[in-house]
Amino acid sequence: MQTADDATLAYLNLKPDDILDAVESLGFRCDGRFLALNSYENRVYRVGIDNDRPVVTKFYRPQRWSDAAILEEHAFSIELAASDIPIVTPHEQHGATLHHHGAFRFALYPYHGGRAPELDDMTLLRQLGRLIARIHLVGETEVFADRPTLDIASFGYRSHDYLLDNEWIPADLEPAYTSTCALLFEGIERCFELAGSPEPIRLHADFHPGNVLVDRDVVHIVDLDDARMGPAVQDLWMFLSGDRHEQTPQLAELLAGYTEFADFDPRELHLIEALRTLRVMHYAAWLAKRWEDPAFRQAFPWFEDRRYWDEHILALREQAALMLETPLEWQDVDSSGH
């Protein structure tokens, strides 16, 4: 009987033949070409197909999501696509979207080329705002049964506890880390209260420029792997970049597009820095949890350096200060962008 450790070992040692054999087990004829795509949580490849367009195959990391949670993500993406939202959905082969081959769980997707959006393109930001609103109109009609909620417990306290319990924080920095986190938790709780503790809805939840493909005027949304319940603004704030002066017009365009389709509660703007803080905390714990994966050691060699933890605590302190500031203002713009 295959164990979880067997699946993890096979995943960490995934070989080219494993990739091609898995794809061909579904009836495709590979031409032998494949290219690793930018992904660390899962293993994702573009695979060439004889006399046809290439496909993208995603091999799921063992013990991260249950089969039920993966299928719930697939169903959500298909539900969104049925509402004419340009999201890349998994191929259905033999009546299924999640497939098993040996120790591996995988899915196939159509390949779409494109570039990440430019965040100074205000027309595109408004278009993204419209798309996010349409996602949320679908997302609020049901709840996830097998996927978690983005909250202070899952991204904040658990990240904090994992790093301390597994001795990732240098001993002499622990007092600074714990005292800083205590301030952060107070700030995050305060931000959620000021936001009116919004009702969570189904989200993309990892919606950033890297998960949007722009090819001329065509936009495709990819990678719902982190989909979960959470506040609406989670799918908006990662398209804001630069300082406050730069972010304000970006936010205006996003919300101008968003409110063409859905209402937005401006109190949620109090959550932007709180959600950014949770993401910073979660990211550090994510790296620590994946450190036994050779791909992480190769990609993030600086993670074990003391300098990283000095800078991490400094970044958290900056977030504590930002959560005390007045949130970004929502400046209405008309349909011409003024």
Protein backbone atom coordinates (compact mmCIF):
# COMPACT_ATOMS: atom_id res chain seq x y z
CA MET A 1 0.00 0.00 0.00
CA GLN A 2 1.30 3.46 -0.96
CA THR A 3 1.90 5.76 2.00
CA ALA A 4 1.94 9.54 2.22
CA ASP A 5 5.73 9.40 2.56
CA ASP A 6 5.93 7.36 -0.67
CA ALA A 7 3.88 9.97 -2.53
CA THR A 8 6.01 12.81 -1.16
CA LEU A 9 9.26 11.08 -2.13
CA ALA A 10 7.97 10.41 -5.64
CA TYR A 11 6.84 14.03 -5.96
CA LEU A 12 10.19 15.43 -4.85
CA ASN A 13 11.91 13.16 -7.39
CA LEU A 14 9.49 13.71 -10.27
CA LYS A 15 11.28 12.73 -13.50
CA PRO A 16 10.68 13.62 -17.17
CA ASP A 17 9.40 10.12 -17.88
CA ASP A 18 6.89 10.48 -15.03
CA ILE A 19 5.57 13.69 -16.58
CA LEU A 20 5.19 12.28 -20.09
CA ASP A 21 3.80 8.94 -18.91
CA ALA A 22 1.13 10.68 -16.83
CA VAL A 23 -0.02 12.83 -19.75
CA GLU A 24 -0.03 9.89 -22.15
CA SER A 25 -2.07 7.81 -19.68
CA LEU A 26 -5.00 10.08 -20.61
CA GLY A 27 -4.68 9.32 -24.31
CA PHE A 28 -2.45 12.19 -25.45
CA ARG A 29 0.64 11.57 -27.59
CA CYS A 30 3.51 13.69 -26.30
CA ASP A 31 6.17 14.93 -28.70
CA GLY A 32 8.84 14.69 -25.99
CA ARG A 33 9.13 18.41 -25.31
CA PHE A 34 8.33 19.90 -21.94
CA LEU A 35 9.17 23.08 -20.08
CA ALA A 36 8.97 23.74 -16.34
CA LEU A 37 6.76 26.76 -15.61
CA ASN A 38 7.07 29.17 -12.72
CA SER A 39 5.60 27.30 -9.76
CA TYR A 40 6.98 26.09 -6.45
CA GLU A 41 3.96 24.85 -4.52
CA ASN A 42 3.13 22.38 -7.29
CA ARG A 43 5.13 21.09 -10.23
CA VAL A 44 3.77 22.65 -13.42
CA TYR A 45 4.93 21.96 -16.98
CA ARG A 46 4.08 22.88 -20.54
CA VAL A 47 4.05 19.61 -22.47
CA GLY A 48 4.18 19.34 -26.26
CA ILE A 49 1.51 17.24 -27.96
CA ASP A 50 1.88 15.63 -31.39
CA ASN A 51 0.07 17.67 -34.06
CA ASP A 52 -1.80 19.72 -31.48
CA ARG A 53 -1.44 22.63 -29.08
CA PRO A 54 0.64 22.00 -25.97
CA VAL A 55 -1.05 21.38 -22.63
CA VAL A 56 -0.13 22.46 -19.13
CA THR A 57 0.06 19.70 -16.55
CA LYS A 58 -0.01 20.40 -12.83
CA PHE A 59 1.27 17.77 -10.39
CA TYR A 60 -0.19 18.44 -6.97
CA ARG A 61 2.00 18.51 -3.89
CA PRO A 62 1.04 15.60 -1.59
CA GLN A 63 -0.66 16.34 1.74
CA ARG A 64 -1.50 19.94 0.87
CA TRP A 65 -5.05 19.65 -0.45
CA SER A 66 -7.39 16.69 -0.20
CA ASP A 67 -8.87 15.33 -3.42
CA ALA A 68 -12.18 16.90 -2.37
CA ALA A 69 -10.57 20.34 -1.99
CA ILE A 70 -8.90 20.08 -5.40
CA LEU A 71 -12.16 19.04 -7.02
CA GLU A 72 -13.91 21.95 -5.29
CA GLU A 73 -11.38 24.33 -6.87
CA HIS A 74 -11.93 22.74 -10.28
CA ALA A 75 -15.70 23.02 -9.92
CA PHE A 76 -15.39 26.70 -8.94
CA SER A 77 -13.30 27.48 -12.02
CA ILE A 78 -15.79 25.68 -14.27
CA GLU A 79 -18.64 27.57 -12.58
CA LEU A 80 -16.84 30.86 -13.30
CA ALA A 81 -16.17 29.92 -16.91
CA ALA A 82 -19.86 29.08 -17.35
CA SER A 83 -20.52 32.75 -16.49
CA ASP A 84 -18.22 33.80 -19.37
CA ILE A 85 -15.37 34.78 -17.06
CA PRO A 86 -12.09 34.15 -18.94
CA ILE A 87 -10.57 31.71 -16.48
CA VAL A 88 -8.47 28.72 -17.53
CA THR A 89 -10.26 25.53 -16.48
CA PRO A 90 -8.94 21.96 -16.27
CA HIS A 91 -9.49 19.54 -19.14
CA GLU A 92 -12.07 16.88 -18.43
CA GLN A 93 -10.76 13.50 -19.57
CA HIS A 94 -12.64 10.25 -19.04
CA GLY A 95 -15.27 12.13 -17.02
CA ALA A 96 -12.77 13.56 -14.50
CA THR A 97 -10.63 16.67 -13.98
CA LEU A 98 -8.33 15.22 -11.27
CA HIS A 99 -6.27 12.26 -12.38
CA HIS A 100 -4.01 9.72 -10.70
CA HIS A 101 -0.99 8.02 -12.19
CA GLY A 102 1.18 5.94 -9.90
CA ALA A 103 2.01 8.10 -6.87
CA PHE A 104 0.93 11.31 -8.58
CA ARG A 105 -2.21 13.43 -8.65
CA PHE A 106 -2.38 15.77 -11.63
CA ALA A 107 -4.61 17.88 -13.85
CA LEU A 108 -4.30 19.11 -17.43
CA TYR A 109 -5.06 22.61 -18.67
CA PRO A 110 -5.03 24.29 -22.08
CA TYR A 111 -1.91 26.35 -22.67
CA HIS A 112 -2.33 30.12 -23.01
CA GLY A 113 0.55 32.47 -23.66
CA GLY A 114 0.68 36.07 -22.49
CA ARG A 115 2.38 38.58 -20.25
CA ALA A 116 1.62 39.90 -16.80
CA PRO A 117 -0.46 43.10 -16.74
CA GLU A 118 1.27 46.45 -16.40
CA LEU A 119 -0.04 48.11 -13.26
CA ASP A 120 0.23 51.60 -14.76
CA ASP A 121 -2.26 50.61 -17.49
CA MET A 122 -5.40 52.19 -16.04
CA THR A 123 -7.68 50.79 -18.74
CA LEU A 124 -6.52 47.28 -17.92
CA LEU A 125 -6.94 47.87 -14.18
CA ARG A 126 -10.55 48.85 -14.76
CA GLN A 127 -11.05 45.71 -16.84
CA LEU A 128 -9.56 43.63 -14.02
CA GLY A 129 -11.90 45.33 -11.56
CA ARG A 130 -14.85 44.22 -13.68
CA LEU A 131 -13.57 40.66 -13.82
CA ILE A 132 -13.00 40.51 -10.06
CA ALA A 133 -16.53 41.75 -9.42
CA ARG A 134 -17.95 39.08 -11.73
CA ILE A 135 -15.91 36.41 -9.92
CA HIS A 136 -17.30 37.63 -6.61
CA LEU A 137 -20.90 37.65 -7.85
CA VAL A 138 -20.47 33.93 -8.54
CA GLY A 139 -18.39 33.41 -5.41
CA GLU A 140 -21.00 34.77 -3.04
CA THR A 141 -23.70 32.34 -4.22
CA GLU A 142 -22.21 29.35 -2.38
CA VAL A 143 -19.54 28.56 0.23
CA PHE A 144 -16.57 26.22 0.07
CA ALA A 145 -17.05 23.02 2.03
CA ASP A 146 -13.49 21.66 1.79
CA ARG A 147 -11.40 24.83 1.48
CA PRO A 148 -10.41 27.10 4.39
CA THR A 149 -10.96 30.77 5.15
CA LEU A 150 -8.22 33.38 4.93
CA ASP A 151 -8.16 34.75 8.45
CA ILE A 152 -5.86 35.81 11.26
CA ALA A 153 -5.79 32.29 12.70
CA SER A 154 -4.71 30.46 9.55
CA PHE A 155 -2.28 33.00 8.10
CA GLY A 156 -1.21 34.79 11.27
CA TYR A 157 -1.20 32.75 14.48
CA ARG A 158 -0.39 29.44 12.81
CA SER A 159 2.49 30.99 10.87
CA HIS A 160 3.85 32.61 14.04
CA ASP A 161 3.55 29.37 16.03
CA TYR A 162 5.12 27.21 13.32
CA LEU A 163 8.22 29.38 13.04
CA LEU A 164 8.73 29.48 16.81
CA ASP A 165 7.88 25.83 17.47
CA ASN A 166 10.32 24.68 14.80
CA GLU A 167 13.07 27.08 15.90
CA TRP A 168 13.32 29.03 12.68
CA ILE A 169 13.65 32.38 14.44
CA PRO A 170 17.23 32.91 15.72
CA ALA A 171 17.14 32.66 19.53
CA ASP A 172 18.39 36.19 20.11
CA LEU A 173 15.70 37.58 17.78
CA GLU A 174 12.79 35.74 19.41
CA PRO A 175 11.91 38.57 21.84
CA ALA A 176 11.80 41.11 18.99
CA TYR A 177 9.76 38.72 16.83
CA THR A 178 7.21 37.85 19.51
CA SER A 179 6.72 41.44 20.67
CA THR A 180 6.34 42.64 17.08
CA CYS A 181 3.81 39.91 16.31
CA ALA A 182 1.80 40.84 19.40
CA LEU A 183 1.46 44.36 17.99
CA LEU A 184 0.56 42.95 14.58
CA PHE A 185 -2.20 40.73 15.92
CA GLU A 186 -3.71 43.70 17.76
CA GLY A 187 -3.51 45.77 14.57
CA ILE A 188 -5.03 43.09 12.37
CA GLU A 189 -7.91 42.52 14.77
CA ARG A 190 -8.52 46.29 14.87
CA CYS A 191 -8.51 46.51 11.07
CA PHE A 192 -11.08 43.72 10.77
CA GLU A 193 -13.29 45.49 13.32
CA LEU A 194 -13.02 48.79 11.41
CA ALA A 195 -13.92 46.88 8.23
CA GLY A 196 -17.11 45.64 9.86
CA SER A 197 -15.87 42.02 9.95
CA PRO A 198 -17.04 41.38 6.35
CA GLU A 199 -18.74 38.13 5.47
CA PRO A 200 -16.25 35.88 3.63
CA ILE A 201 -17.01 34.80 0.07
CA ARG A 202 -15.36 32.39 -2.35
CA LEU A 203 -12.25 34.08 -3.78
CA HIS A 204 -9.40 33.51 -6.17
CA ALA A 205 -7.39 34.54 -3.04
CA ASP A 206 -3.98 34.66 -4.76
CA PHE A 207 -4.96 37.19 -7.40
CA HIS A 208 -1.82 39.07 -8.42
CA PRO A 209 -0.28 40.09 -11.77
CA GLY A 210 1.49 36.74 -12.12
CA ASN A 211 -1.87 34.97 -12.27
CA VAL A 212 -3.20 37.10 -15.12
CA LEU A 213 -2.12 36.53 -18.73
CA VAL A 214 -2.56 39.38 -21.20
CA ASP A 215 -2.21 38.64 -24.92
CA ARG A 216 -2.94 41.82 -26.88
CA ASP A 217 -6.47 42.67 -25.70
CA VAL A 218 -7.30 39.20 -24.39
CA VAL A 219 -7.05 38.48 -20.66
CA HIS A 220 -6.98 35.02 -19.08
CA ILE A 221 -7.06 34.32 -15.34
CA VAL A 222 -5.06 31.33 -14.13
CA ASP A 223 -4.20 29.34 -11.01
CA LEU A 224 -7.05 29.01 -8.55
CA ASP A 225 -4.91 26.65 -6.46
CA ASP A 226 -5.15 28.94 -3.40
CA ALA A 227 -8.89 29.58 -3.72
CA ARG A 228 -10.55 29.95 -0.34
CA MET A 229 -13.12 32.01 1.57
CA GLY A 230 -12.21 35.58 2.50
CA PRO A 231 -13.04 39.30 2.21
CA ALA A 232 -13.61 40.75 -1.26
CA VAL A 233 -10.69 43.19 -1.07
CA GLN A 234 -8.25 40.25 -0.94
CA ASP A 235 -8.68 39.88 -4.72
CA LEU A 236 -8.00 43.58 -5.31
CA TRP A 237 -5.11 44.78 -3.17
CA MET A 238 -2.30 42.85 -4.87
CA PHE A 239 -2.81 44.93 -8.02
CA LEU A 240 -1.73 48.04 -6.11
CA SER A 241 1.94 48.97 -6.37
CA GLY A 242 4.22 51.83 -5.47
CA ASP A 243 3.64 54.45 -2.78
CA ARG A 244 0.33 55.84 -1.55
CA HIS A 245 0.31 58.52 -4.25
CA GLU A 246 0.63 55.83 -6.96
CA GLN A 247 -1.77 53.35 -5.38
CA THR A 248 -4.67 55.81 -5.03
CA PRO A 249 -5.45 56.14 -8.78
CA GLN A 250 -4.85 52.41 -9.27
CA LEU A 251 -7.44 51.67 -6.59
CA ALA A 252 -9.84 54.17 -8.16
CA GLU A 253 -9.70 52.38 -11.51
CA LEU A 254 -10.04 48.92 -9.99
CA LEU A 255 -13.10 49.98 -8.00
CA ALA A 256 -14.58 51.93 -10.92
CA GLY A 257 -14.61 48.66 -12.84
CA TYR A 258 -15.67 46.58 -9.85
CA THR A 259 -18.69 48.74 -9.01
CA GLU A 260 -20.02 48.48 -12.55
CA PHE A 261 -21.06 44.95 -11.56
CA ALA A 262 -21.03 44.66 -7.77
CA ASP A 263 -21.24 46.77 -4.62
CA PHE A 264 -18.06 47.38 -2.64
CA ASP A 265 -18.03 48.28 1.03
CA PRO A 266 -15.35 51.00 1.44
CA ARG A 267 -14.79 49.87 5.03
CA GLU A 268 -12.86 46.91 3.56
CA LEU A 269 -10.08 49.34 2.62
CA HIS A 270 -9.06 49.08 6.29
CA LEU A 271 -8.06 45.48 5.52
CA ILE A 272 -5.44 46.14 2.83
CA GLU A 273 -2.45 46.48 5.16
CA ALA A 274 -3.81 43.79 7.49
CA LEU A 275 -4.04 41.33 4.60
CA ARG A 276 -0.60 42.35 3.38
CA THR A 277 0.74 41.66 6.88
CA LEU A 278 -0.86 38.22 6.97
CA ARG A 279 0.66 37.44 3.58
CA VAL A 280 4.14 38.43 4.78
CA MET A 281 3.77 36.19 7.85
CA HIS A 282 2.34 33.30 5.87
CA TYR A 283 5.11 33.55 3.25
CA ALA A 284 7.86 33.07 5.84
CA ALA A 285 6.12 30.04 7.33
CA TRP A 286 5.44 28.64 3.85
CA LEU A 287 9.15 28.73 3.01
CA ALA A 288 9.97 27.04 6.31
CA LYS A 289 7.41 24.28 5.77
CA ARG A 290 8.76 23.55 2.28
CA TRP A 291 12.44 23.73 3.15
CA GLU A 292 13.00 19.99 2.72
CA ASP A 293 12.02 20.35 -0.94
CA PRO A 294 15.28 20.77 -2.92
CA ALA A 295 13.53 23.17 -5.30
CA PHE A 296 13.04 25.60 -2.40
CA ARG A 297 16.63 25.37 -1.22
CA GLN A 298 17.78 26.16 -4.74
CA ALA A 299 15.33 29.00 -5.35
CA PHE A 300 15.54 30.68 -1.92
CA PRO A 301 19.13 30.11 -0.66
CA TRP A 302 18.97 33.28 1.46
CA PHE A 303 16.17 31.93 3.64
CA GLU A 304 18.50 30.38 6.24
CA ASP A 305 20.61 33.53 6.59
CA ARG A 306 20.24 35.60 9.72
CA ARG A 307 19.93 38.68 7.52
CA TYR A 308 16.61 37.36 6.21
CA TRP A 309 15.13 37.24 9.72
CA ASP A 310 16.45 40.70 10.59
CA GLU A 311 14.76 42.06 7.47
CA HIS A 312 11.61 40.02 8.10
CA ILE A 313 11.15 41.52 11.57
CA LEU A 314 11.83 45.00 10.17
CA ALA A 315 9.17 44.43 7.49
CA LEU A 316 6.69 43.33 10.15
CA ARG A 317 7.41 46.45 12.21
CA GLU A 318 6.75 48.58 9.15
CA GLN A 319 3.45 46.78 8.67
CA ALA A 320 2.49 47.49 12.29
CA ALA A 321 2.99 51.20 11.60
CA LEU A 322 1.10 51.09 8.28
CA MET A 323 -1.94 49.54 9.93
CA LEU A 324 -2.16 52.62 12.17
CA GLU A 325 -2.33 54.98 9.19
CA THR A 326 -5.49 56.17 7.48
CA PRO A 327 -6.42 53.64 4.77
CA LEU A 328 -6.26 54.45 1.07
CA GLU A 329 -9.02 56.77 -0.10
CA TRP A 330 -11.44 55.66 -2.76
CA GLN A 331 -11.57 58.49 -5.29
CA ASP A 332 -14.42 58.04 -7.76
CA VAL A 333 -13.56 58.40 -11.43
CA ASP A 334 -16.02 58.68 -14.29
CA SER A 335 -16.22 56.42 -17.32
CA SER A 336 -13.59 58.48 -19.16
CA GLY A 337 -11.08 57.97 -16.34
CA HIS A 338 -11.38 61.44 -14.78
